[in-house]
Protein backbone atom coordinates (compact mmCIF):
# COMPACT_ATOMS: atom_id res chain seq x y z
CA UNK A 1 -109.68 -34.47 58.47
CA UNK A 2 -111.08 -35.78 55.36
CA UNK A 3 -111.15 -32.17 53.05
CA UNK A 4 -113.70 -31.43 49.73
CA UNK A 5 -112.03 -31.08 46.86
CA UNK A 6 -114.29 -28.38 45.15
CA UNK A 7 -113.90 -26.07 48.47
CA UNK A 8 -110.34 -24.30 50.04
CA UNK A 9 -109.62 -25.97 52.78
CA UNK A 10 -108.79 -23.56 54.67
CA UNK A 11 -112.77 -22.43 55.19
CA UNK A 12 -113.17 -26.12 56.19
CA UNK A 13 -110.57 -25.51 58.41
CA UNK A 14 -112.98 -21.75 59.90
CA UNK A 15 -116.03 -24.31 59.41
CA UNK A 16 -114.01 -27.13 61.83
CA UNK A 17 -112.72 -24.25 64.79
CA UNK A 18 -116.57 -23.11 64.78
CA UNK A 19 -118.57 -26.12 65.39
CA UNK A 20 -115.04 -27.17 67.96
CA UNK A 21 -116.36 -23.04 69.50
CA UNK A 22 -120.02 -24.04 68.98
CA UNK A 23 -119.61 -27.39 70.63
CA UNK A 24 -118.02 -26.77 73.54
CA UNK A 25 -114.99 -28.28 72.19
CA UNK A 26 -113.45 -25.08 72.89
CA UNK A 27 -114.39 -23.60 75.20
CA UNK A 28 -114.79 -18.87 76.15
CA UNK A 29 -111.24 -17.71 76.70
CA UNK A 30 -109.31 -21.13 76.52
CA UNK A 31 -106.53 -21.14 74.40
CA UNK A 32 -106.16 -22.89 71.07
CA UNK A 33 -103.53 -25.31 69.54
CA UNK A 34 -101.39 -22.63 67.56
CA UNK A 35 -101.17 -22.83 64.08
CA UNK A 36 -97.28 -25.24 63.18
CA UNK A 37 -99.89 -27.87 66.02
CA UNK A 38 -103.37 -27.63 64.75
CA UNK A 39 -101.23 -27.74 61.01
CA UNK A 40 -99.07 -30.95 62.30
CA UNK A 41 -102.87 -32.06 63.72
CA UNK A 42 -105.10 -31.53 60.91
CA UNK A 43 -102.13 -32.43 57.25
CA UNK A 44 -102.10 -29.02 56.09
CA UNK A 45 -100.17 -25.97 55.97
CA UNK A 46 -99.18 -23.84 58.35
CA UNK A 47 -100.00 -20.68 55.46
CA UNK A 48 -103.52 -21.75 55.22
CA UNK A 49 -104.86 -22.28 58.84
CA UNK A 50 -102.84 -19.39 59.39
CA UNK A 51 -105.18 -18.03 56.93
CA UNK A 52 -108.26 -19.61 58.62
CA UNK A 53 -107.53 -18.27 61.73
CA UNK A 54 -107.29 -14.73 60.45
CA UNK A 55 -110.57 -14.66 59.44
CA UNK A 56 -111.71 -15.60 61.93
CA UNK A 57 -110.38 -12.95 64.38
CA UNK A 58 -111.44 -11.10 62.03
CA UNK A 59 -115.26 -11.84 63.30
CA UNK A 60 -113.95 -11.59 66.62
CA UNK A 61 -114.03 -14.97 67.32
CA UNK A 62 -110.52 -15.49 67.73
CA UNK A 63 -108.50 -13.11 70.01
CA UNK A 64 -104.81 -12.41 70.62
CA UNK A 65 -102.26 -11.90 72.66
CA UNK A 66 -98.95 -10.82 70.91
CA UNK A 67 -96.68 -13.52 72.18
CA UNK A 68 -99.23 -15.11 73.66
CA UNK A 69 -101.22 -17.28 71.71
CA UNK A 70 -104.23 -17.35 70.25
CA UNK A 71 -107.79 -18.07 72.64
CA UNK A 72 -111.28 -18.40 72.35
CA UNK A 73 -113.32 -14.58 72.76
CA UNK A 74 -115.04 -14.48 75.81
CA UNK A 75 -117.71 -12.65 74.69
CA UNK A 76 -121.08 -14.83 74.87
CA UNK A 77 -123.04 -13.29 72.55
CA UNK A 78 -120.45 -13.79 69.71
CA UNK A 79 -120.72 -17.47 71.26
CA UNK A 80 -124.18 -17.38 70.80
CA UNK A 81 -124.37 -16.35 67.95
CA UNK A 82 -122.18 -18.16 66.81
CA UNK A 83 -123.51 -21.38 67.44
CA UNK A 84 -127.13 -20.38 66.21
CA UNK A 85 -125.79 -19.86 62.28
CA UNK A 86 -124.26 -23.22 62.90
CA UNK A 87 -127.56 -24.47 63.64
CA UNK A 88 -129.51 -22.52 60.68
CA UNK A 89 -126.98 -23.89 58.07
CA UNK A 90 -127.73 -27.76 59.08
CA UNK A 91 -131.53 -27.04 59.38
CA UNK A 92 -131.40 -25.73 55.86
CA UNK A 93 -129.48 -28.46 54.83
CA UNK A 94 -131.34 -30.99 56.39
CA UNK A 95 -135.09 -29.01 54.38
CA UNK A 96 -133.22 -28.98 51.16
CA UNK A 97 -133.08 -32.62 52.28
CA UNK A 98 -136.35 -33.82 52.63
CA UNK A 99 -137.64 -31.46 49.46
CA UNK A 100 -135.63 -34.39 47.25
CA UNK A 101 -137.29 -37.28 48.76
CA UNK A 102 -139.94 -35.42 46.79
CA UNK A 103 -142.44 -35.48 49.82
CA UNK A 104 -145.88 -32.28 50.24
CA UNK A 105 -145.60 -29.64 52.26
CA UNK A 106 -147.86 -31.28 54.47
CA UNK A 107 -145.78 -34.43 55.26
CA UNK A 108 -142.87 -32.11 54.85
CA UNK A 109 -144.15 -30.02 57.93
CA UNK A 110 -144.90 -33.04 59.34
CA UNK A 111 -142.61 -34.75 60.34
CA UNK A 112 -140.25 -31.17 60.76
CA UNK A 113 -143.49 -31.39 64.23
CA UNK A 114 -142.68 -34.58 64.91
CA UNK A 115 -139.02 -33.67 65.18
CA UNK A 116 -139.45 -30.32 67.31
CA UNK A 117 -142.67 -32.28 69.65
CA UNK A 118 -139.46 -34.71 70.25
CA UNK A 119 -136.66 -32.76 71.23
CA UNK A 120 -138.95 -30.92 73.36
CA UNK A 121 -139.36 -34.03 75.68
């Protein structure tokens, strides 16, 4: 994983884990890799992974079962909210990029309408 040096690594790991969950790479109620395993895979300090996992637990995305490990929540609404939040983040970034292209409001709306139509086909 390539890290942005301008942002905390643990925050970037949170975003990566959220992406894995939202895309069903890690599914509901599935046991997630241990702190040590994911630290080796992502080449970061285990403390950084623990910090990210703890934040995800506080958000209710990950659940901990003492002595067994951590699991993705089985709360369907929580997963749905996560997916919607990630979609909103991507759309906001897309709109920001559109604004930088110096297009008129009408041109931006036309592009968005075309994408929505294409997605609904």
